[in-house]
Amino acid sequence: MRIMTAPKFKTGDKVTFTNEYGVVFTGKTITKLDTEWKGIDQTPRYFYTPSDSPWFSVSQDRLSLEGEIDAGGKALWVKCEVPMPEPSKVEPEPTCKSCRFWKTGAWPSDCLRHAPGVSTEGRAQWPTTQPNDWCGDFEPSVQPLDAA
């Protein structure tokens, strides 16, 4: 006869899952108790959503109610949201159109990174490039991206 620990959660509870590496996943909802678990672990297991592996139940030892307080009065988890950068602060892709050395204007355009070569007519000639070309000398443009 199996002796199980009493289930701690019920369907609909909002929980936080902490994996074996200590990574915390908030915003989970218990969908059901796993009544078919046959492992040696006697701790109740639950299914939750959203989940990348909805067929796999997790031990209640890895779950905590959202906002739950431990015996020392500290929250068992803290929701941490990483702010998204403003669009103007996003690094441009390293192509000619977002490079500071690219002469903007009509396409194709010239790369002004190095001194020009001499054309067959004896005039200065820089390499002509397309907006999505790239090279190893890329440096982000100092002008706003939408002005390029």
Protein backbone atom coordinates (compact mmCIF):
# COMPACT_ATOMS: atom_id res chain seq x y z
CA MET A 1 0.00 0.00 0.00
CA ARG A 2 1.34 3.42 -1.01
CA ILE A 3 1.21 6.20 1.56
CA MET A 4 1.07 9.56 -0.15
CA THR A 5 1.58 13.02 1.21
CA ALA A 6 -1.69 14.95 1.20
CA PRO A 7 -2.26 16.99 -1.97
CA LYS A 8 -1.48 20.66 -1.38
CA PHE A 9 -3.06 22.20 -4.51
CA LYS A 10 -6.41 22.08 -6.28
CA THR A 11 -7.42 22.59 -9.89
CA GLY A 12 -7.32 26.29 -10.78
CA ASP A 13 -4.65 27.28 -8.23
CA LYS A 14 -2.10 29.79 -9.54
CA VAL A 15 1.36 28.42 -8.88
CA THR A 16 5.04 29.00 -9.52
CA PHE A 17 7.24 26.12 -10.72
CA THR A 18 10.93 25.99 -9.73
CA ASN A 19 13.04 23.49 -11.66
CA GLU A 20 15.98 21.47 -10.31
CA TYR A 21 18.40 24.27 -11.25
CA GLY A 22 16.47 26.91 -9.31
CA VAL A 23 14.97 28.60 -12.37
CA VAL A 24 11.56 30.04 -11.48
CA PHE A 25 8.55 29.94 -13.84
CA THR A 26 5.59 32.02 -12.68
CA GLY A 27 2.04 32.25 -13.98
CA LYS A 28 1.15 28.55 -14.05
CA THR A 29 -2.33 27.16 -13.34
CA ILE A 30 -2.95 23.67 -11.92
CA THR A 31 -5.09 21.67 -14.37
CA LYS A 32 -5.28 18.37 -12.46
CA LEU A 33 -3.73 16.01 -9.95
CA ASP A 34 -1.76 13.15 -11.56
CA THR A 35 -3.61 10.10 -10.23
CA GLU A 36 -1.69 7.64 -12.41
CA TRP A 37 1.86 8.35 -11.18
CA LYS A 38 3.50 5.01 -10.37
CA GLY A 39 6.99 6.20 -9.35
CA ILE A 40 8.66 5.57 -6.03
CA ASP A 41 8.16 9.22 -5.12
CA GLN A 42 5.14 9.37 -2.79
CA THR A 43 4.64 13.12 -3.21
CA PRO A 44 1.56 14.19 -5.21
CA ARG A 45 2.24 15.33 -8.77
CA TYR A 46 0.34 17.86 -10.85
CA PHE A 47 -0.19 18.94 -14.42
CA TYR A 48 -0.22 22.68 -15.11
CA THR A 49 -0.65 25.10 -17.98
CA PRO A 50 0.99 26.73 -19.83
CA SER A 51 3.64 24.03 -20.18
CA ASP A 52 6.21 22.97 -22.78
CA SER A 53 5.62 19.35 -21.70
CA PRO A 54 1.91 19.03 -20.82
CA TRP A 55 2.18 15.21 -20.65
CA PHE A 56 4.70 15.42 -17.77
CA SER A 57 3.52 16.00 -14.21
CA VAL A 58 5.66 17.72 -11.57
CA SER A 59 6.08 17.03 -7.88
CA GLN A 60 4.29 19.37 -5.50
CA ASP A 61 7.71 19.98 -3.89
CA ARG A 62 8.58 22.01 -7.01
CA LEU A 63 5.43 24.15 -6.81
CA SER A 64 4.36 27.03 -4.59
CA LEU A 65 1.22 29.13 -4.55
CA GLU A 66 1.82 32.48 -6.16
CA GLY A 67 2.46 34.99 -3.38
CA GLU A 68 3.00 32.26 -0.75
CA ILE A 69 4.93 33.31 2.36
CA ASP A 70 7.44 31.04 4.12
CA ALA A 71 7.76 30.61 7.89
CA GLY A 72 10.28 33.48 8.06
CA GLY A 73 7.79 35.92 6.53
CA LYS A 74 9.58 36.14 3.18
CA ALA A 75 7.92 35.58 -0.15
CA LEU A 76 8.88 32.22 -1.63
CA TRP A 77 9.18 33.80 -5.05
CA VAL A 78 9.50 37.23 -6.52
CA LYS A 79 8.07 37.98 -9.94
CA CYS A 80 10.78 39.57 -12.02
CA GLU A 81 9.99 41.05 -15.40
CA VAL A 82 12.83 41.98 -17.72
CA PRO A 83 12.03 45.25 -19.46
CA MET A 84 12.17 45.16 -23.23
CA PRO A 85 14.53 47.75 -24.74
CA GLU A 86 13.00 50.69 -26.53
CA PRO A 87 13.03 50.19 -30.31
CA SER A 88 15.55 53.00 -30.74
CA LYS A 89 17.96 51.22 -28.38
CA VAL A 90 17.85 47.85 -30.15
CA GLU A 91 21.15 46.95 -31.75
CA PRO A 92 20.90 47.22 -35.54
CA GLU A 93 21.65 44.18 -37.63
CA PRO A 94 25.22 44.45 -38.94
CA THR A 95 24.43 45.29 -42.56
CA CYS A 96 25.43 48.18 -44.80
CA LYS A 97 22.11 50.03 -44.35
CA SER A 98 22.77 50.41 -40.60
CA CYS A 99 26.53 51.04 -40.80
CA ARG A 100 28.01 54.46 -40.10
CA PHE A 101 30.29 54.20 -43.15
CA TRP A 102 27.54 53.61 -45.67
CA LYS A 103 26.67 56.61 -47.83
CA THR A 104 22.90 56.87 -47.60
CA GLY A 105 20.77 57.83 -50.53
CA ALA A 106 19.98 55.96 -53.72
CA TRP A 107 20.71 52.24 -53.73
CA PRO A 108 23.19 50.80 -54.45
CA SER A 109 25.38 53.08 -52.41
CA ASP A 110 29.04 53.45 -51.50
CA CYS A 111 30.99 52.13 -48.52
CA LEU A 112 33.22 54.91 -47.23
CA ARG A 113 35.05 52.79 -44.62
CA HIS A 114 38.43 52.95 -46.37
CA ALA A 115 40.13 55.30 -48.81
CA PRO A 116 38.78 55.01 -52.36
CA GLY A 117 40.43 53.16 -55.16
CA VAL A 118 40.98 54.67 -58.61
CA SER A 119 38.43 53.98 -61.34
CA THR A 120 39.36 53.30 -64.95
CA GLU A 121 38.51 56.96 -65.65
CA GLY A 122 41.04 58.11 -63.03
CA ARG A 123 38.40 59.16 -60.46
CA ALA A 124 37.96 58.10 -56.84
CA GLN A 125 35.83 54.98 -56.50
CA TRP A 126 34.53 53.37 -53.31
CA PRO A 127 33.07 49.87 -53.16
CA THR A 128 29.40 49.85 -54.20
CA THR A 129 27.16 47.84 -51.86
CA GLN A 130 23.51 46.90 -51.39
CA PRO A 131 21.59 47.68 -48.15
CA ASN A 132 21.71 44.07 -46.89
CA ASP A 133 25.39 43.46 -47.72
CA TRP A 134 27.79 43.19 -44.80
CA CYS A 135 31.48 42.98 -43.94
CA GLY A 136 33.75 42.64 -40.91
CA ASP A 137 34.23 46.42 -40.48
CA PHE A 138 30.62 47.17 -39.42
CA GLU A 139 30.08 49.98 -36.92
CA PRO A 140 26.54 51.06 -35.95
CA SER A 141 25.27 54.27 -37.49
CA VAL A 142 25.26 57.30 -35.19
CA GLN A 143 22.10 58.62 -36.85
CA PRO A 144 18.61 57.33 -36.00
CA LEU A 145 17.82 54.08 -37.80
CA ASP A 146 14.71 55.47 -39.49
CA ALA A 147 16.75 58.27 -41.07
CA ALA A 148 19.02 55.79 -42.86
